[in-house]
Amino acid sequence: MSSNQQRVNQRVNQNGGDVKSAPVTKRALKAAAVELDSELALNDVLLRGRVSSLAVEKELPSGDKVMEFRIVIARSNEEGFDTIDISAWSSKLRRTAGSLKSDQWVEVSGSIKRRFWRGATGLASRWQIDASEISRL
């Protein structure tokens, strides 16, 4: 019996089901695997760097507002820098982002997301950090 099937059987037992009389379907296995993945998955980011561009507020077609800015982070034990796009969605975070100055040190925590949109040349995307906290250092 595979480890995924064992996990499904445990879940069925926890929910009062009878594993012996109920065969485990592929659909149930997939659902259990997705549930297990979501239990093990972690998307937490903590970054410290310098503000490289002042925040710009954008209003989306949905009416939502977002403040976007960039930070620069030196690579550990390597030459060079990484430029990271940050998005601030809540009104508190938008105010904080709007008050940041260029070259100011900040700490940002949040999660990484990939954004998609249609541009002049077709579908485009980029990775950015959705901030849950922004602190000046």
C-alpha atoms as a PDB file:
ATOM      1  CA  MET A   1       0.000   0.000   0.000  1.00  0.00           C
ATOM      2  CA  SER A   2       1.403   3.412  -0.974  1.00  0.00           C
ATOM      3  CA  SER A   3       2.034   6.096   1.631  1.00  0.00           C
ATOM      4  CA  ASN A   4      -0.657   8.286   0.010  1.00  0.00           C
ATOM      5  CA  GLN A   5      -3.168   5.452   0.261  1.00  0.00           C
ATOM      6  CA  GLN A   6      -2.205   4.913   3.915  1.00  0.00           C
ATOM      7  CA  ARG A   7      -2.845   8.607   4.585  1.00  0.00           C
ATOM      8  CA  VAL A   8      -6.230   8.379   2.863  1.00  0.00           C
ATOM      9  CA  ASN A   9      -7.095   5.353   4.966  1.00  0.00           C
ATOM     10  CA  GLN A  10      -6.123   7.258   8.124  1.00  0.00           C
ATOM     11  CA  ARG A  11      -8.337  10.169   7.079  1.00  0.00           C
ATOM     12  CA  VAL A  12     -11.259   7.842   6.366  1.00  0.00           C
ATOM     13  CA  ASN A  13     -10.799   6.195   9.777  1.00  0.00           C
ATOM     14  CA  GLN A  14     -10.615   9.581  11.503  1.00  0.00           C
ATOM     15  CA  ASN A  15     -13.898  10.530   9.862  1.00  0.00           C
ATOM     16  CA  GLY A  16     -15.641   7.348  11.027  1.00  0.00           C
ATOM     17  CA  GLY A  17     -15.548   5.516   7.683  1.00  0.00           C
ATOM     18  CA  ASP A  18     -14.838   1.837   7.162  1.00  0.00           C
ATOM     19  CA  VAL A  19     -11.780   1.445   4.941  1.00  0.00           C
ATOM     20  CA  LYS A  20     -12.292  -2.296   4.395  1.00  0.00           C
ATOM     21  CA  SER A  21     -15.744  -1.892   2.890  1.00  0.00           C
ATOM     22  CA  ALA A  22     -15.016   1.312   0.961  1.00  0.00           C
ATOM     23  CA  PRO A  23     -12.368   1.042  -1.769  1.00  0.00           C
ATOM     24  CA  VAL A  24     -10.069   4.039  -2.091  1.00  0.00           C
ATOM     25  CA  THR A  25     -10.638   5.751  -5.430  1.00  0.00           C
ATOM     26  CA  LYS A  26      -8.093   7.698  -7.442  1.00  0.00           C
ATOM     27  CA  ARG A  27     -10.172  10.793  -6.817  1.00  0.00           C
ATOM     28  CA  ALA A  28      -9.965  10.273  -3.042  1.00  0.00           C
ATOM     29  CA  LEU A  29      -6.219   9.699  -3.300  1.00  0.00           C
ATOM     30  CA  LYS A  30      -5.785  12.916  -5.271  1.00  0.00           C
ATOM     31  CA  ALA A  31      -7.931  14.882  -2.802  1.00  0.00           C
ATOM     32  CA  ALA A  32      -5.903  13.517   0.119  1.00  0.00           C
ATOM     33  CA  ALA A  33      -2.630  14.336  -1.647  1.00  0.00           C
ATOM     34  CA  VAL A  34      -3.791  17.916  -2.278  1.00  0.00           C
ATOM     35  CA  GLU A  35      -4.872  18.228   1.362  1.00  0.00           C
ATOM     36  CA  LEU A  36      -1.534  16.839   2.538  1.00  0.00           C
ATOM     37  CA  ASP A  37       0.349  19.201   0.213  1.00  0.00           C
ATOM     38  CA  SER A  38      -1.532  22.162   1.649  1.00  0.00           C
ATOM     39  CA  GLU A  39      -0.665  21.002   5.178  1.00  0.00           C
ATOM     40  CA  LEU A  40       3.050  20.788   4.345  1.00  0.00           C
ATOM     41  CA  ALA A  41       3.300  23.796   2.038  1.00  0.00           C
ATOM     42  CA  LEU A  42       4.883  26.996   3.322  1.00  0.00           C
ATOM     43  CA  ASN A  43       5.032  30.328   1.515  1.00  0.00           C
ATOM     44  CA  ASP A  44       6.624  32.732   4.007  1.00  0.00           C
ATOM     45  CA  VAL A  45       9.216  35.269   2.919  1.00  0.00           C
ATOM     46  CA  LEU A  46      11.358  37.560   5.081  1.00  0.00           C
ATOM     47  CA  LEU A  47      13.530  40.104   3.275  1.00  0.00           C
ATOM     48  CA  ARG A  48      15.762  42.990   4.351  1.00  0.00           C
ATOM     49  CA  GLY A  49      17.019  45.473   1.830  1.00  0.00           C
ATOM     50  CA  ARG A  50      17.147  49.053   0.606  1.00  0.00           C
ATOM     51  CA  VAL A  51      14.222  50.752  -1.096  1.00  0.00           C
ATOM     52  CA  SER A  52      15.311  51.268  -4.706  1.00  0.00           C
ATOM     53  CA  SER A  53      12.207  52.920  -6.117  1.00  0.00           C
ATOM     54  CA  LEU A  54       9.514  54.981  -4.473  1.00  0.00           C
ATOM     55  CA  ALA A  55       6.109  53.373  -4.135  1.00  0.00           C
ATOM     56  CA  VAL A  56       3.570  53.867  -6.907  1.00  0.00           C
ATOM     57  CA  GLU A  57      -0.142  53.398  -6.283  1.00  0.00           C
ATOM     58  CA  LYS A  58      -2.111  51.518  -8.925  1.00  0.00           C
ATOM     59  CA  GLU A  59      -5.842  51.040  -9.215  1.00  0.00           C
ATOM     60  CA  LEU A  60      -6.864  47.763 -10.806  1.00  0.00           C
ATOM     61  CA  PRO A  61      -9.889  47.295 -13.088  1.00  0.00           C
ATOM     62  CA  SER A  62     -11.600  45.630 -10.100  1.00  0.00           C
ATOM     63  CA  GLY A  63     -11.286  48.887  -8.155  1.00  0.00           C
ATOM     64  CA  ASP A  64      -8.717  47.428  -5.740  1.00  0.00           C
ATOM     65  CA  LYS A  65      -5.722  49.604  -4.956  1.00  0.00           C
ATOM     66  CA  VAL A  66      -2.171  48.402  -4.509  1.00  0.00           C
ATOM     67  CA  MET A  67       1.055  50.226  -3.707  1.00  0.00           C
ATOM     68  CA  GLU A  68       4.130  48.772  -5.418  1.00  0.00           C
ATOM     69  CA  PHE A  69       7.811  49.439  -4.771  1.00  0.00           C
ATOM     70  CA  ARG A  70      11.152  47.670  -5.107  1.00  0.00           C
ATOM     71  CA  ILE A  71      13.918  46.752  -2.753  1.00  0.00           C
ATOM     72  CA  VAL A  72      17.509  45.814  -3.540  1.00  0.00           C
ATOM     73  CA  ILE A  73      19.209  43.008  -1.650  1.00  0.00           C
ATOM     74  CA  ALA A  74      22.903  42.109  -1.847  1.00  0.00           C
ATOM     75  CA  ARG A  75      23.504  38.420  -2.530  1.00  0.00           C
ATOM     76  CA  SER A  76      25.207  36.477   0.250  1.00  0.00           C
ATOM     77  CA  ASN A  77      28.741  35.350  -0.642  1.00  0.00           C
ATOM     78  CA  GLU A  78      28.285  36.468  -4.250  1.00  0.00           C
ATOM     79  CA  GLU A  79      28.747  39.584  -6.243  1.00  0.00           C
ATOM     80  CA  GLY A  80      25.658  41.367  -7.370  1.00  0.00           C
ATOM     81  CA  PHE A  81      22.227  42.325  -6.170  1.00  0.00           C
ATOM     82  CA  ASP A  82      18.653  41.167  -6.551  1.00  0.00           C
ATOM     83  CA  THR A  83      15.821  43.611  -7.152  1.00  0.00           C
ATOM     84  CA  ILE A  84      12.540  42.414  -5.638  1.00  0.00           C
ATOM     85  CA  ASP A  85       9.077  43.832  -6.390  1.00  0.00           C
ATOM     86  CA  ILE A  86       6.875  44.344  -3.324  1.00  0.00           C
ATOM     87  CA  SER A  87       3.105  44.879  -3.306  1.00  0.00           C
ATOM     88  CA  ALA A  88       1.141  46.362  -0.398  1.00  0.00           C
ATOM     89  CA  TRP A  89      -2.621  45.810  -0.490  1.00  0.00           C
ATOM     90  CA  SER A  90      -4.116  46.883   2.848  1.00  0.00           C
ATOM     91  CA  SER A  91      -4.636  50.584   3.544  1.00  0.00           C
ATOM     92  CA  LYS A  92      -2.149  50.448   6.447  1.00  0.00           C
ATOM     93  CA  LEU A  93       0.545  48.802   4.316  1.00  0.00           C
ATOM     94  CA  ARG A  94      -0.149  51.189   1.413  1.00  0.00           C
ATOM     95  CA  ARG A  95       0.372  54.162   3.768  1.00  0.00           C
ATOM     96  CA  THR A  96       3.615  52.664   5.087  1.00  0.00           C
ATOM     97  CA  ALA A  97       4.867  51.906   1.568  1.00  0.00           C
ATOM     98  CA  GLY A  98       3.962  55.417   0.413  1.00  0.00           C
ATOM     99  CA  SER A  99       6.034  56.959   3.206  1.00  0.00           C
ATOM    100  CA  LEU A 100       9.239  55.039   2.391  1.00  0.00           C
ATOM    101  CA  LYS A 101      12.200  56.983   1.046  1.00  0.00           C
ATOM    102  CA  SER A 102      14.727  55.868  -1.535  1.00  0.00           C
ATOM    103  CA  ASP A 103      17.774  54.086  -0.004  1.00  0.00           C
ATOM    104  CA  GLN A 104      15.883  53.499   3.268  1.00  0.00           C
ATOM    105  CA  TRP A 105      16.448  50.082   4.859  1.00  0.00           C
ATOM    106  CA  VAL A 106      13.302  48.006   5.326  1.00  0.00           C
ATOM    107  CA  GLU A 107      12.239  44.556   6.421  1.00  0.00           C
ATOM    108  CA  VAL A 108       9.365  42.977   4.500  1.00  0.00           C
ATOM    109  CA  SER A 109       7.536  39.792   5.364  1.00  0.00           C
ATOM    110  CA  GLY A 110       4.893  38.215   3.194  1.00  0.00           C
ATOM    111  CA  SER A 111       4.434  35.574   0.527  1.00  0.00           C
ATOM    112  CA  ILE A 112       5.650  35.189  -3.023  1.00  0.00           C
ATOM    113  CA  LYS A 113       3.072  35.360  -5.813  1.00  0.00           C
ATOM    114  CA  ARG A 114       3.190  35.285  -9.585  1.00  0.00           C
ATOM    115  CA  ARG A 115       1.045  37.910 -11.291  1.00  0.00           C
ATOM    116  CA  PHE A 116      -0.309  37.536 -14.821  1.00  0.00           C
ATOM    117  CA  TRP A 117      -1.726  40.237 -17.079  1.00  0.00           C
ATOM    118  CA  ARG A 118      -2.260  41.007 -20.748  1.00  0.00           C
ATOM    119  CA  GLY A 119       0.206  43.521 -22.094  1.00  0.00           C
ATOM    120  CA  ALA A 120       0.734  45.052 -25.517  1.00  0.00           C
ATOM    121  CA  THR A 121       2.780  42.015 -26.580  1.00  0.00           C
ATOM    122  CA  GLY A 122       0.454  39.405 -25.061  1.00  0.00           C
ATOM    123  CA  LEU A 123       0.406  37.537 -21.777  1.00  0.00           C
ATOM    124  CA  ALA A 124       3.028  38.722 -19.288  1.00  0.00           C
ATOM    125  CA  SER A 125       3.943  37.712 -15.748  1.00  0.00           C
ATOM    126  CA  ARG A 126       6.276  38.536 -12.900  1.00  0.00           C
ATOM    127  CA  TRP A 127       7.040  37.351  -9.396  1.00  0.00           C
ATOM    128  CA  GLN A 128       6.476  39.706  -6.488  1.00  0.00           C
ATOM    129  CA  ILE A 129       6.146  39.656  -2.732  1.00  0.00           C
ATOM    130  CA  ASP A 130       2.707  40.354  -1.268  1.00  0.00           C
ATOM    131  CA  ALA A 131       3.673  42.149   1.933  1.00  0.00           C
ATOM    132  CA  SER A 132       1.977  41.278   5.207  1.00  0.00           C
ATOM    133  CA  GLU A 133       4.343  43.524   7.214  1.00  0.00           C
ATOM    134  CA  ILE A 134       6.678  46.379   6.293  1.00  0.00           C
ATOM    135  CA  SER A 135       9.085  47.790   8.890  1.00  0.00           C
ATOM    136  CA  ARG A 136      11.726  50.487   8.683  1.00  0.00           C
ATOM    137  CA  LEU A 137      15.131  49.466  10.045  1.00  0.00           C
END
